[in-house]
Amino acid sequence: MPLPLSVGIYRRAWLKNYALMLAGLLIDIDHLLADPIYDAERCSIGFHPLHTIIPIVLYALLLIHPKTRAVGIGLCLHILLDGFDCIL
């Protein structure tokens, strides 16, 4: 999802913003704190520290300023996709 978004939103600097959006995947580092590290039946939202409400609000606040918007999009997209995974 980050690639079509970065090309669609940031036509001139799409590559840089694509990389910033991909940085949103780094919040999965908190999965290393869980035991087991991966559980297909576990919902990430609310379980892992970087997938709780306070960090999610901070991710949404990154959308406000243009210089942090690409990172915010990547993080919020990550949380949305994790949320869909919880529903399915």
N, C-alpha and C. Protein backbone atom coordinates (compact mmCIF):
# COMPACT_ATOMS: atom_id res chain seq x y z
N MET A 1 0.79 -1.21 0.00
CA MET A 1 0.00 0.00 0.00
C MET A 1 0.84 1.28 0.00
N PRO A 2 2.01 1.30 0.66
CA PRO A 2 2.76 2.56 0.66
C PRO A 2 3.20 3.01 -0.73
N LEU A 3 3.50 2.09 -1.63
CA LEU A 3 3.98 2.50 -2.95
C LEU A 3 2.93 3.28 -3.73
N PRO A 4 1.70 2.76 -3.91
CA PRO A 4 0.73 3.57 -4.65
C PRO A 4 0.38 4.87 -3.93
N LEU A 5 0.38 4.86 -2.61
CA LEU A 5 0.10 6.10 -1.88
C LEU A 5 1.20 7.13 -2.10
N SER A 6 2.45 6.70 -2.00
CA SER A 6 3.55 7.65 -2.16
C SER A 6 3.62 8.20 -3.58
N VAL A 7 3.36 7.36 -4.57
CA VAL A 7 3.36 7.84 -5.95
C VAL A 7 2.18 8.78 -6.19
N GLY A 8 1.04 8.46 -5.61
CA GLY A 8 -0.16 9.28 -5.80
C GLY A 8 -0.12 10.60 -5.07
N ILE A 9 0.44 10.61 -3.87
CA ILE A 9 0.44 11.82 -3.05
C ILE A 9 1.68 12.67 -3.30
N TYR A 10 2.83 12.05 -3.41
CA TYR A 10 4.11 12.76 -3.53
C TYR A 10 4.75 12.44 -4.88
N ARG A 11 4.23 13.00 -5.92
CA ARG A 11 4.72 12.68 -7.26
C ARG A 11 6.20 13.00 -7.46
N ARG A 12 6.65 14.14 -6.98
CA ARG A 12 8.04 14.55 -7.21
C ARG A 12 9.03 13.79 -6.32
N ALA A 13 8.69 13.63 -5.07
CA ALA A 13 9.61 13.00 -4.11
C ALA A 13 9.03 11.67 -3.62
N TRP A 14 8.48 10.89 -4.52
CA TRP A 14 7.78 9.67 -4.13
C TRP A 14 8.72 8.64 -3.50
N LEU A 15 9.95 8.55 -3.97
CA LEU A 15 10.87 7.53 -3.46
C LEU A 15 11.24 7.78 -2.00
N LYS A 16 11.57 9.03 -1.68
CA LYS A 16 11.89 9.39 -0.30
C LYS A 16 10.70 9.13 0.61
N ASN A 17 9.53 9.54 0.18
CA ASN A 17 8.33 9.37 1.00
C ASN A 17 7.90 7.91 1.07
N TYR A 18 8.18 7.16 0.04
CA TYR A 18 7.92 5.72 0.07
C TYR A 18 8.78 5.07 1.16
N ALA A 19 10.05 5.46 1.22
CA ALA A 19 10.95 4.93 2.25
C ALA A 19 10.48 5.33 3.64
N LEU A 20 10.01 6.57 3.79
CA LEU A 20 9.50 7.02 5.09
C LEU A 20 8.25 6.25 5.49
N MET A 21 7.39 5.96 4.52
CA MET A 21 6.18 5.18 4.81
C MET A 21 6.55 3.74 5.20
N LEU A 22 7.53 3.19 4.52
CA LEU A 22 7.97 1.83 4.87
C LEU A 22 8.56 1.77 6.27
N ALA A 23 9.06 2.90 6.75
CA ALA A 23 9.59 2.94 8.12
C ALA A 23 8.51 2.60 9.14
N GLY A 24 7.26 2.73 8.75
CA GLY A 24 6.15 2.35 9.63
C GLY A 24 6.16 0.88 9.98
N LEU A 25 6.85 0.09 9.21
CA LEU A 25 6.96 -1.34 9.52
C LEU A 25 7.87 -1.59 10.72
N LEU A 26 8.69 -0.62 11.06
CA LEU A 26 9.63 -0.80 12.16
C LEU A 26 8.95 -0.92 13.52
N ILE A 27 7.69 -0.50 13.63
CA ILE A 27 7.02 -0.64 14.92
C ILE A 27 6.74 -2.09 15.26
N ASP A 28 6.92 -2.99 14.30
CA ASP A 28 6.75 -4.41 14.59
C ASP A 28 7.91 -4.97 15.41
N ILE A 29 8.90 -4.14 15.71
CA ILE A 29 10.01 -4.57 16.57
C ILE A 29 9.49 -4.97 17.94
N ASP A 30 8.34 -4.41 18.34
CA ASP A 30 7.79 -4.74 19.65
C ASP A 30 7.25 -6.17 19.71
N HIS A 31 7.14 -6.83 18.59
CA HIS A 31 6.73 -8.24 18.57
C HIS A 31 7.80 -9.12 19.23
N LEU A 32 9.03 -8.63 19.24
CA LEU A 32 10.11 -9.39 19.86
C LEU A 32 9.95 -9.50 21.37
N LEU A 33 9.13 -8.64 21.95
CA LEU A 33 8.89 -8.68 23.40
C LEU A 33 7.84 -9.72 23.79
N ALA A 34 7.11 -10.23 22.81
CA ALA A 34 6.02 -11.16 23.09
C ALA A 34 6.52 -12.60 23.13
N ASP A 35 5.78 -13.42 23.83
CA ASP A 35 6.09 -14.85 23.87
C ASP A 35 4.81 -15.62 23.59
N PRO A 36 4.69 -16.27 22.49
CA PRO A 36 5.65 -16.41 21.39
C PRO A 36 5.74 -15.12 20.57
N ILE A 37 6.82 -14.98 19.83
CA ILE A 37 7.01 -13.77 19.03
C ILE A 37 5.89 -13.60 18.03
N TYR A 38 5.46 -14.68 17.39
CA TYR A 38 4.37 -14.61 16.42
C TYR A 38 3.28 -15.60 16.83
N ASP A 39 2.07 -15.11 16.86
CA ASP A 39 0.91 -15.95 17.11
C ASP A 39 -0.17 -15.52 16.13
N ALA A 40 -0.51 -16.40 15.21
CA ALA A 40 -1.48 -16.06 14.16
C ALA A 40 -2.85 -15.72 14.73
N GLU A 41 -3.17 -16.18 15.91
CA GLU A 41 -4.48 -15.94 16.52
C GLU A 41 -4.51 -14.67 17.38
N ARG A 42 -3.36 -14.04 17.58
CA ARG A 42 -3.29 -12.87 18.47
C ARG A 42 -3.48 -11.58 17.67
N CYS A 43 -4.26 -10.68 18.23
CA CYS A 43 -4.45 -9.35 17.63
C CYS A 43 -3.35 -8.42 18.16
N SER A 44 -2.63 -7.80 17.25
CA SER A 44 -1.54 -6.90 17.64
C SER A 44 -2.05 -5.64 18.33
N ILE A 45 -3.20 -5.14 17.89
CA ILE A 45 -3.73 -3.89 18.43
C ILE A 45 -4.09 -4.10 19.91
N GLY A 46 -3.49 -3.28 20.75
CA GLY A 46 -3.75 -3.36 22.18
C GLY A 46 -2.88 -4.37 22.91
N PHE A 47 -2.15 -5.21 22.19
CA PHE A 47 -1.31 -6.22 22.84
C PHE A 47 0.14 -5.77 22.91
N HIS A 48 0.70 -5.40 21.78
CA HIS A 48 2.10 -4.97 21.72
C HIS A 48 2.21 -3.50 22.12
N PRO A 49 3.29 -3.11 22.80
CA PRO A 49 3.42 -1.74 23.31
C PRO A 49 3.27 -0.64 22.25
N LEU A 50 3.82 -0.83 21.07
CA LEU A 50 3.72 0.20 20.03
C LEU A 50 2.42 0.11 19.24
N HIS A 51 1.54 -0.77 19.66
CA HIS A 51 0.23 -0.94 19.01
C HIS A 51 -0.90 -0.63 19.98
N THR A 52 -0.61 0.19 21.01
CA THR A 52 -1.61 0.57 21.99
C THR A 52 -2.12 1.99 21.69
N ILE A 53 -3.09 2.44 22.45
CA ILE A 53 -3.81 3.67 22.11
C ILE A 53 -2.91 4.92 22.14
N ILE A 54 -2.04 5.05 23.13
CA ILE A 54 -1.22 6.28 23.20
C ILE A 54 -0.29 6.40 22.00
N PRO A 55 0.48 5.37 21.63
CA PRO A 55 1.28 5.50 20.41
C PRO A 55 0.44 5.71 19.16
N ILE A 56 -0.72 5.10 19.08
CA ILE A 56 -1.57 5.27 17.90
C ILE A 56 -2.02 6.72 17.78
N VAL A 57 -2.36 7.35 18.89
CA VAL A 57 -2.72 8.78 18.87
C VAL A 57 -1.53 9.61 18.40
N LEU A 58 -0.34 9.27 18.86
CA LEU A 58 0.87 9.99 18.42
C LEU A 58 1.12 9.80 16.93
N TYR A 59 0.86 8.60 16.42
CA TYR A 59 1.01 8.35 14.98
C TYR A 59 0.05 9.24 14.19
N ALA A 60 -1.17 9.36 14.70
CA ALA A 60 -2.17 10.21 14.02
C ALA A 60 -1.76 11.67 14.06
N LEU A 61 -1.14 12.10 15.15
CA LEU A 61 -0.68 13.50 15.25
C LEU A 61 0.43 13.80 14.24
N LEU A 62 1.19 12.79 13.84
CA LEU A 62 2.24 13.00 12.83
C LEU A 62 1.65 13.42 11.48
N LEU A 63 0.37 13.15 11.28
CA LEU A 63 -0.28 13.50 10.01
C LEU A 63 -0.48 15.01 9.87
N ILE A 64 -0.42 15.74 10.96
CA ILE A 64 -0.72 17.18 10.94
C ILE A 64 0.36 17.98 10.22
N HIS A 65 1.61 17.75 10.57
CA HIS A 65 2.70 18.56 10.02
C HIS A 65 3.21 17.93 8.72
N PRO A 66 3.40 18.73 7.67
CA PRO A 66 3.85 18.20 6.38
C PRO A 66 5.17 17.44 6.43
N LYS A 67 6.09 17.84 7.31
CA LYS A 67 7.39 17.17 7.37
C LYS A 67 7.33 15.79 8.00
N THR A 68 6.30 15.52 8.79
CA THR A 68 6.16 14.21 9.43
C THR A 68 5.01 13.40 8.84
N ARG A 69 4.33 13.96 7.86
CA ARG A 69 3.13 13.33 7.33
C ARG A 69 3.39 11.96 6.70
N ALA A 70 4.47 11.80 5.94
CA ALA A 70 4.74 10.52 5.28
C ALA A 70 4.97 9.41 6.31
N VAL A 71 5.70 9.72 7.38
CA VAL A 71 5.91 8.73 8.44
C VAL A 71 4.58 8.42 9.11
N GLY A 72 3.79 9.46 9.36
CA GLY A 72 2.47 9.27 9.97
C GLY A 72 1.56 8.41 9.11
N ILE A 73 1.59 8.62 7.81
CA ILE A 73 0.79 7.80 6.90
C ILE A 73 1.22 6.35 6.99
N GLY A 74 2.53 6.12 6.97
CA GLY A 74 3.04 4.75 7.06
C GLY A 74 2.64 4.07 8.36
N LEU A 75 2.75 4.79 9.47
CA LEU A 75 2.40 4.22 10.77
C LEU A 75 0.89 3.97 10.89
N CYS A 76 0.09 4.94 10.46
CA CYS A 76 -1.36 4.77 10.53
C CYS A 76 -1.83 3.67 9.59
N LEU A 77 -1.22 3.57 8.43
CA LEU A 77 -1.56 2.50 7.50
C LEU A 77 -1.23 1.14 8.12
N HIS A 78 -0.09 1.07 8.78
CA HIS A 78 0.31 -0.16 9.45
C HIS A 78 -0.73 -0.57 10.50
N ILE A 79 -1.15 0.40 11.31
CA ILE A 79 -2.15 0.13 12.36
C ILE A 79 -3.48 -0.28 11.73
N LEU A 80 -3.88 0.39 10.66
CA LEU A 80 -5.14 0.02 9.98
C LEU A 80 -5.08 -1.40 9.44
N LEU A 81 -3.98 -1.76 8.83
CA LEU A 81 -3.85 -3.12 8.29
C LEU A 81 -3.81 -4.16 9.41
N ASP A 82 -3.16 -3.82 10.52
CA ASP A 82 -3.18 -4.73 11.67
C ASP A 82 -4.60 -4.86 12.22
N GLY A 83 -5.34 -3.76 12.20
CA GLY A 83 -6.73 -3.80 12.66
C GLY A 83 -7.59 -4.69 11.78
N PHE A 84 -7.40 -4.61 10.47
CA PHE A 84 -8.13 -5.49 9.55
C PHE A 84 -7.75 -6.94 9.80
N ASP A 85 -6.49 -7.17 10.10
CA ASP A 85 -6.04 -8.53 10.41
C ASP A 85 -6.75 -9.06 11.66
N CYS A 86 -6.99 -8.18 12.62
CA CYS A 86 -7.69 -8.59 13.84
C CYS A 86 -9.15 -8.96 13.53
N ILE A 87 -9.76 -8.24 12.62
CA ILE A 87 -11.15 -8.51 12.27
C ILE A 87 -11.26 -9.84 11.53
N LEU A 88 -10.31 -10.09 10.64
CA LEU A 88 -10.36 -11.33 9.86
C LEU A 88 -9.84 -12.46 10.70
